[in-house]
Amino acid sequence: MIDEIPDQSLDFPYIDGDHTLRGITVDLMQVLPKIKDGGLIGGDDFVNKPWQHGAAYEPTLVCPFAVYFAEAMGLPFVALPHKQFLI
């Protein structure tokens, strides 16, 4: 679906997808070109416990990847209450 969205057309996409390292990496890399200047990226499951869903599932790595991604792209990062984040 992301390929159908024009670049620089979104003000505020919210990511609540696959919480694995692969998932958050793909989500952030694909959504960044879609953001208008001054836009924000929001997201969920920003937790510092990788086994959020238990050992039967892959680790949740939204934290720290979202922080590292924002730093690498030169973008501000804000951790919010309720396991949310903004870039």
C-alpha atoms as a PDB file:
ATOM      1  CA  MET A   1       0.000   0.000   0.000  1.00  0.00           C
ATOM      2  CA  ILE A   2       2.828   2.417   0.825  1.00  0.00           C
ATOM      3  CA  ASP A   3       3.933   2.455  -2.821  1.00  0.00           C
ATOM      4  CA  GLU A   4       0.579   3.973  -3.810  1.00  0.00           C
ATOM      5  CA  ILE A   5       1.073   6.998  -1.546  1.00  0.00           C
ATOM      6  CA  PRO A   6       2.822   9.918  -3.260  1.00  0.00           C
ATOM      7  CA  ASP A   7       6.088  11.154  -1.759  1.00  0.00           C
ATOM      8  CA  GLN A   8       5.815  14.221   0.489  1.00  0.00           C
ATOM      9  CA  SER A   9       2.046  13.870   0.793  1.00  0.00           C
ATOM     10  CA  LEU A  10       1.523  12.873   4.439  1.00  0.00           C
ATOM     11  CA  ASP A  11       1.357  15.107   7.489  1.00  0.00           C
ATOM     12  CA  PHE A  12       1.201  12.433  10.179  1.00  0.00           C
ATOM     13  CA  PRO A  13       1.453   8.728   9.464  1.00  0.00           C
ATOM     14  CA  TYR A  14       1.120   6.517  12.536  1.00  0.00           C
ATOM     15  CA  ILE A  15       3.041   3.242  12.607  1.00  0.00           C
ATOM     16  CA  ASP A  16       1.557   0.349  14.550  1.00  0.00           C
ATOM     17  CA  GLY A  17       2.797  -2.593  12.559  1.00  0.00           C
ATOM     18  CA  ASP A  18       5.268  -5.414  12.887  1.00  0.00           C
ATOM     19  CA  HIS A  19       7.308  -4.672  16.019  1.00  0.00           C
ATOM     20  CA  THR A  20      10.327  -6.750  15.039  1.00  0.00           C
ATOM     21  CA  LEU A  21      13.614  -5.146  14.016  1.00  0.00           C
ATOM     22  CA  ARG A  22      12.838  -5.986  10.397  1.00  0.00           C
ATOM     23  CA  GLY A  23       9.315  -4.598  10.678  1.00  0.00           C
ATOM     24  CA  ILE A  24      10.159  -1.237  12.221  1.00  0.00           C
ATOM     25  CA  THR A  25      13.134  -0.812   9.876  1.00  0.00           C
ATOM     26  CA  VAL A  26      11.019  -1.388   6.762  1.00  0.00           C
ATOM     27  CA  ASP A  27       8.158   0.774   8.082  1.00  0.00           C
ATOM     28  CA  LEU A  28      10.330   3.793   8.925  1.00  0.00           C
ATOM     29  CA  MET A  29      12.469   3.585   5.786  1.00  0.00           C
ATOM     30  CA  GLN A  30       9.416   3.378   3.526  1.00  0.00           C
ATOM     31  CA  VAL A  31       7.346   6.048   5.252  1.00  0.00           C
ATOM     32  CA  LEU A  32      10.021   8.754   5.571  1.00  0.00           C
ATOM     33  CA  PRO A  33       9.897   9.868   1.893  1.00  0.00           C
ATOM     34  CA  LYS A  34       6.105  10.167   2.168  1.00  0.00           C
ATOM     35  CA  ILE A  35       6.271  12.887   4.855  1.00  0.00           C
ATOM     36  CA  LYS A  36       5.698  16.544   3.997  1.00  0.00           C
ATOM     37  CA  ASP A  37       8.217  19.096   5.254  1.00  0.00           C
ATOM     38  CA  GLY A  38       7.320  19.746   8.881  1.00  0.00           C
ATOM     39  CA  GLY A  39       5.342  16.504   9.150  1.00  0.00           C
ATOM     40  CA  LEU A  40       5.601  13.972  11.955  1.00  0.00           C
ATOM     41  CA  ILE A  41       5.822  10.202  12.199  1.00  0.00           C
ATOM     42  CA  GLY A  42       4.050   8.669  15.169  1.00  0.00           C
ATOM     43  CA  GLY A  43       4.308   5.151  16.432  1.00  0.00           C
ATOM     44  CA  ASP A  44       3.354   2.603  19.050  1.00  0.00           C
ATOM     45  CA  ASP A  45       5.023  -0.070  21.186  1.00  0.00           C
ATOM     46  CA  PHE A  46       8.015   2.030  22.164  1.00  0.00           C
ATOM     47  CA  VAL A  47       9.039  -0.183  25.074  1.00  0.00           C
ATOM     48  CA  ASN A  48      12.451  -0.987  26.515  1.00  0.00           C
ATOM     49  CA  LYS A  49      11.600  -4.650  27.081  1.00  0.00           C
ATOM     50  CA  PRO A  50      12.248  -6.707  23.952  1.00  0.00           C
ATOM     51  CA  TRP A  51      10.108  -9.617  25.137  1.00  0.00           C
ATOM     52  CA  GLN A  52       6.917  -7.538  25.340  1.00  0.00           C
ATOM     53  CA  HIS A  53       4.844 -10.332  23.802  1.00  0.00           C
ATOM     54  CA  GLY A  54       6.687 -13.230  25.442  1.00  0.00           C
ATOM     55  CA  ALA A  55       9.467 -15.568  24.371  1.00  0.00           C
ATOM     56  CA  ALA A  56       7.235 -17.304  21.788  1.00  0.00           C
ATOM     57  CA  TYR A  57       7.441 -14.168  19.600  1.00  0.00           C
ATOM     58  CA  GLU A  58      10.298 -12.250  18.020  1.00  0.00           C
ATOM     59  CA  PRO A  59      11.581  -9.414  20.210  1.00  0.00           C
ATOM     60  CA  THR A  60       9.941  -5.993  20.066  1.00  0.00           C
ATOM     61  CA  LEU A  61      12.689  -3.644  18.858  1.00  0.00           C
ATOM     62  CA  VAL A  62      10.831  -0.423  18.094  1.00  0.00           C
ATOM     63  CA  CYS A  63      12.988   0.872  20.940  1.00  0.00           C
ATOM     64  CA  PRO A  64      15.916   1.353  20.256  1.00  0.00           C
ATOM     65  CA  PHE A  65      15.615   1.324  16.436  1.00  0.00           C
ATOM     66  CA  ALA A  66      13.266   4.318  16.185  1.00  0.00           C
ATOM     67  CA  VAL A  67      15.726   6.388  18.230  1.00  0.00           C
ATOM     68  CA  TYR A  68      18.701   5.312  16.113  1.00  0.00           C
ATOM     69  CA  PHE A  69      16.757   5.954  12.899  1.00  0.00           C
ATOM     70  CA  ALA A  70      15.843   9.498  13.958  1.00  0.00           C
ATOM     71  CA  GLU A  71      19.454  10.177  14.945  1.00  0.00           C
ATOM     72  CA  ALA A  72      20.802   8.825  11.647  1.00  0.00           C
ATOM     73  CA  MET A  73      18.347  10.962   9.660  1.00  0.00           C
ATOM     74  CA  GLY A  74      19.053  14.093  11.722  1.00  0.00           C
ATOM     75  CA  LEU A  75      15.473  14.228  12.998  1.00  0.00           C
ATOM     76  CA  PRO A  76      14.217  15.050  16.499  1.00  0.00           C
ATOM     77  CA  PHE A  77      12.795  12.212  18.573  1.00  0.00           C
ATOM     78  CA  VAL A  78      10.302  12.356  21.436  1.00  0.00           C
ATOM     79  CA  ALA A  79       9.257   9.442  23.633  1.00  0.00           C
ATOM     80  CA  LEU A  80       5.661   9.937  24.772  1.00  0.00           C
ATOM     81  CA  PRO A  81       3.522   8.356  27.493  1.00  0.00           C
ATOM     82  CA  HIS A  82       1.596   5.167  26.781  1.00  0.00           C
ATOM     83  CA  LYS A  83       4.431   3.566  24.751  1.00  0.00           C
ATOM     84  CA  GLN A  84       4.163   6.146  21.920  1.00  0.00           C
ATOM     85  CA  PHE A  85       6.849   8.055  20.008  1.00  0.00           C
ATOM     86  CA  LEU A  86       7.173  10.961  17.577  1.00  0.00           C
ATOM     87  CA  ILE A  87       9.804  11.657  14.960  1.00  0.00           C
END
